Amino acid sequence: QVQLVESGGGLVQPGGSLKLSCAVSGLTVSTYMMGWFRQAPGKQREFVAATHRNTDTRYADSVKGRFIISRDNAKNMVYLQINNLRPEDTAVYYCNAEPPRYELWGQGTQVTVSS
């Protein structure tokens, strides 16, 4: 059974940082392009970042220069370092394959940016 479990979210002030983690089981991350997505209240889920290898990455324009996606193939983990957070980054963050697969959506982790 494939399972993706996100963690690391929280409440942070504008300008702060968080590191999100995605623990993957039942799927070998090294064989997939893996991504992070987010869904803000009242909005559709959107693409944030993806990586096939740590040198093959892409980002949404809104997060370029602030977010860094990485992976640890040995641990079967995917990470998202999020820096210089803005209130508009408030959302539930999810990891998934890219393109995303319906059956892989997990519970996500809430990131709230507020002073």
C-alpha atoms as a PDB file:
ATOM      1  CA  GLN A   1       0.000   0.000   0.000  1.00  0.00           C
ATOM      2  CA  VAL A   2       1.377   3.362  -1.019  1.00  0.00           C
ATOM      3  CA  GLN A   3       1.324   6.051   1.624  1.00  0.00           C
ATOM      4  CA  LEU A   4       2.623   9.615   1.691  1.00  0.00           C
ATOM      5  CA  VAL A   5       2.700  11.384   5.044  1.00  0.00           C
ATOM      6  CA  GLU A   6       3.454  15.086   5.205  1.00  0.00           C
ATOM      7  CA  SER A   7       4.732  16.845   8.322  1.00  0.00           C
ATOM      8  CA  GLY A   8       6.513  19.976   9.475  1.00  0.00           C
ATOM      9  CA  GLY A   9       3.813  22.598   9.047  1.00  0.00           C
ATOM     10  CA  GLY A  10       2.885  25.160  11.639  1.00  0.00           C
ATOM     11  CA  LEU A  11       2.182  28.760  12.457  1.00  0.00           C
ATOM     12  CA  VAL A  12       4.960  31.133  11.477  1.00  0.00           C
ATOM     13  CA  GLN A  13       5.362  34.884  11.219  1.00  0.00           C
ATOM     14  CA  PRO A  14       5.904  36.583   7.870  1.00  0.00           C
ATOM     15  CA  GLY A  15       9.527  36.241   6.851  1.00  0.00           C
ATOM     16  CA  GLY A  16       9.924  33.001   8.753  1.00  0.00           C
ATOM     17  CA  SER A  17      10.929  29.543   7.551  1.00  0.00           C
ATOM     18  CA  LEU A  18       9.756  25.967   7.800  1.00  0.00           C
ATOM     19  CA  LYS A  19      10.957  22.653   6.457  1.00  0.00           C
ATOM     20  CA  LEU A  20       8.254  20.277   5.330  1.00  0.00           C
ATOM     21  CA  SER A  21       8.871  16.548   5.097  1.00  0.00           C
ATOM     22  CA  CYS A  22       7.121  13.825   3.151  1.00  0.00           C
ATOM     23  CA  ALA A  23       7.664  10.235   4.216  1.00  0.00           C
ATOM     24  CA  VAL A  24       6.895   7.847   1.385  1.00  0.00           C
ATOM     25  CA  SER A  25       6.200   4.135   1.682  1.00  0.00           C
ATOM     26  CA  GLY A  26       5.217   1.630  -0.966  1.00  0.00           C
ATOM     27  CA  LEU A  27       6.721   3.717  -3.752  1.00  0.00           C
ATOM     28  CA  THR A  28      10.379   4.329  -4.575  1.00  0.00           C
ATOM     29  CA  VAL A  29      10.826   8.085  -4.882  1.00  0.00           C
ATOM     30  CA  SER A  30      13.989   7.740  -6.940  1.00  0.00           C
ATOM     31  CA  THR A  31      11.956   6.386  -9.840  1.00  0.00           C
ATOM     32  CA  TYR A  32       9.454   9.237  -9.907  1.00  0.00           C
ATOM     33  CA  MET A  33       9.363  12.964 -10.355  1.00  0.00           C
ATOM     34  CA  MET A  34       8.065  14.041  -6.940  1.00  0.00           C
ATOM     35  CA  GLY A  35       6.317  17.288  -6.200  1.00  0.00           C
ATOM     36  CA  TRP A  36       4.780  19.524  -3.619  1.00  0.00           C
ATOM     37  CA  PHE A  37       1.382  21.109  -4.045  1.00  0.00           C
ATOM     38  CA  ARG A  38      -0.724  23.404  -1.898  1.00  0.00           C
ATOM     39  CA  GLN A  39      -4.321  24.382  -1.430  1.00  0.00           C
ATOM     40  CA  ALA A  40      -5.276  27.669   0.130  1.00  0.00           C
ATOM     41  CA  PRO A  41      -8.738  28.243   1.617  1.00  0.00           C
ATOM     42  CA  GLY A  42     -11.309  28.697  -1.127  1.00  0.00           C
ATOM     43  CA  LYS A  43      -8.803  27.993  -3.902  1.00  0.00           C
ATOM     44  CA  GLN A  44      -7.880  25.070  -6.097  1.00  0.00           C
ATOM     45  CA  ARG A  45      -4.862  22.971  -5.314  1.00  0.00           C
ATOM     46  CA  GLU A  46      -1.826  24.270  -7.168  1.00  0.00           C
ATOM     47  CA  PHE A  47       1.644  23.107  -8.117  1.00  0.00           C
ATOM     48  CA  VAL A  48       4.510  24.408  -5.978  1.00  0.00           C
ATOM     49  CA  ALA A  49       7.683  22.514  -6.866  1.00  0.00           C
ATOM     50  CA  ALA A  50       8.958  19.243  -8.312  1.00  0.00           C
ATOM     51  CA  THR A  51      12.181  17.331  -8.571  1.00  0.00           C
ATOM     52  CA  HIS A  52      13.275  14.298 -10.511  1.00  0.00           C
ATOM     53  CA  ARG A  53      16.805  14.438  -9.310  1.00  0.00           C
ATOM     54  CA  ASN A  54      18.071  17.085  -6.949  1.00  0.00           C
ATOM     55  CA  THR A  55      19.603  18.845  -9.942  1.00  0.00           C
ATOM     56  CA  ASP A  56      16.424  18.615 -12.005  1.00  0.00           C
ATOM     57  CA  THR A  57      13.961  20.899 -10.247  1.00  0.00           C
ATOM     58  CA  ARG A  58      11.202  23.312 -11.169  1.00  0.00           C
ATOM     59  CA  TYR A  59       9.131  25.785  -9.227  1.00  0.00           C
ATOM     60  CA  ALA A  60       5.991  27.821  -9.494  1.00  0.00           C
ATOM     61  CA  ASP A  61       6.839  31.453 -10.229  1.00  0.00           C
ATOM     62  CA  SER A  62       5.299  32.522  -6.920  1.00  0.00           C
ATOM     63  CA  VAL A  63       7.838  30.546  -4.876  1.00  0.00           C
ATOM     64  CA  LYS A  64      11.013  30.769  -6.970  1.00  0.00           C
ATOM     65  CA  GLY A  65      13.956  31.936  -4.906  1.00  0.00           C
ATOM     66  CA  ARG A  66      12.152  31.229  -1.613  1.00  0.00           C
ATOM     67  CA  PHE A  67      11.339  27.493  -1.672  1.00  0.00           C
ATOM     68  CA  ILE A  68      13.761  24.618  -2.161  1.00  0.00           C
ATOM     69  CA  ILE A  69      12.663  21.078  -2.947  1.00  0.00           C
ATOM     70  CA  SER A  70      14.959  18.158  -2.233  1.00  0.00           C
ATOM     71  CA  ARG A  71      14.832  14.433  -1.783  1.00  0.00           C
ATOM     72  CA  ASP A  72      16.705  11.725   0.084  1.00  0.00           C
ATOM     73  CA  ASN A  73      16.420   8.578  -1.973  1.00  0.00           C
ATOM     74  CA  ALA A  74      18.044   6.448   0.721  1.00  0.00           C
ATOM     75  CA  LYS A  75      15.366   7.477   3.219  1.00  0.00           C
ATOM     76  CA  ASN A  76      12.597   7.640   0.615  1.00  0.00           C
ATOM     77  CA  MET A  77      11.807  11.190   1.734  1.00  0.00           C
ATOM     78  CA  VAL A  78      10.943  14.416  -0.061  1.00  0.00           C
ATOM     79  CA  TYR A  79      11.437  17.820   1.553  1.00  0.00           C
ATOM     80  CA  LEU A  80      10.380  21.386   0.974  1.00  0.00           C
ATOM     81  CA  GLN A  81      12.357  24.168   2.611  1.00  0.00           C
ATOM     82  CA  ILE A  82      10.180  27.248   2.642  1.00  0.00           C
ATOM     83  CA  ASN A  83      11.787  30.604   3.404  1.00  0.00           C
ATOM     84  CA  ASN A  84      10.706  34.219   3.591  1.00  0.00           C
ATOM     85  CA  LEU A  85       7.127  33.122   4.120  1.00  0.00           C
ATOM     86  CA  ARG A  86       4.297  35.433   3.135  1.00  0.00           C
ATOM     87  CA  PRO A  87       0.662  35.441   4.275  1.00  0.00           C
ATOM     88  CA  GLU A  88      -0.327  34.261   0.785  1.00  0.00           C
ATOM     89  CA  ASP A  89       1.689  31.087   1.369  1.00  0.00           C
ATOM     90  CA  THR A  90      -0.911  30.001   3.933  1.00  0.00           C
ATOM     91  CA  ALA A  91      -2.261  26.661   2.708  1.00  0.00           C
ATOM     92  CA  VAL A  92      -2.311  22.936   3.248  1.00  0.00           C
ATOM     93  CA  TYR A  93       0.796  21.494   1.620  1.00  0.00           C
ATOM     94  CA  TYR A  94       0.807  18.069   0.006  1.00  0.00           C
ATOM     95  CA  CYS A  95       3.396  15.898  -1.668  1.00  0.00           C
ATOM     96  CA  ASN A  96       2.628  13.607  -4.594  1.00  0.00           C
ATOM     97  CA  ALA A  97       4.151  12.351  -7.767  1.00  0.00           C
ATOM     98  CA  GLU A  98       4.329  14.882 -10.603  1.00  0.00           C
ATOM     99  CA  PRO A  99       2.014  14.759 -12.421  1.00  0.00           C
ATOM    100  CA  PRO A 100      -0.047  13.976  -9.328  1.00  0.00           C
ATOM    101  CA  ARG A 101      -1.839  10.682  -8.909  1.00  0.00           C
ATOM    102  CA  TYR A 102      -5.261  10.741  -7.265  1.00  0.00           C
ATOM    103  CA  GLU A 103      -4.567   7.744  -5.047  1.00  0.00           C
ATOM    104  CA  LEU A 104      -1.443   9.320  -3.564  1.00  0.00           C
ATOM    105  CA  TRP A 105      -2.990  12.390  -1.949  1.00  0.00           C
ATOM    106  CA  GLY A 106      -2.380  12.354   1.780  1.00  0.00           C
ATOM    107  CA  GLN A 107      -3.679  14.531   4.587  1.00  0.00           C
ATOM    108  CA  GLY A 108      -1.223  17.312   3.977  1.00  0.00           C
ATOM    109  CA  THR A 109       0.360  19.636   6.505  1.00  0.00           C
ATOM    110  CA  GLN A 110      -1.019  23.050   7.376  1.00  0.00           C
ATOM    111  CA  VAL A 111       1.191  26.102   6.989  1.00  0.00           C
ATOM    112  CA  THR A 112      -0.189  29.328   8.407  1.00  0.00           C
ATOM    113  CA  VAL A 113       1.667  32.596   7.967  1.00  0.00           C
ATOM    114  CA  SER A 114       0.419  35.305  10.272  1.00  0.00           C
ATOM    115  CA  SER A 115       1.712  37.961  12.603  1.00  0.00           C
END
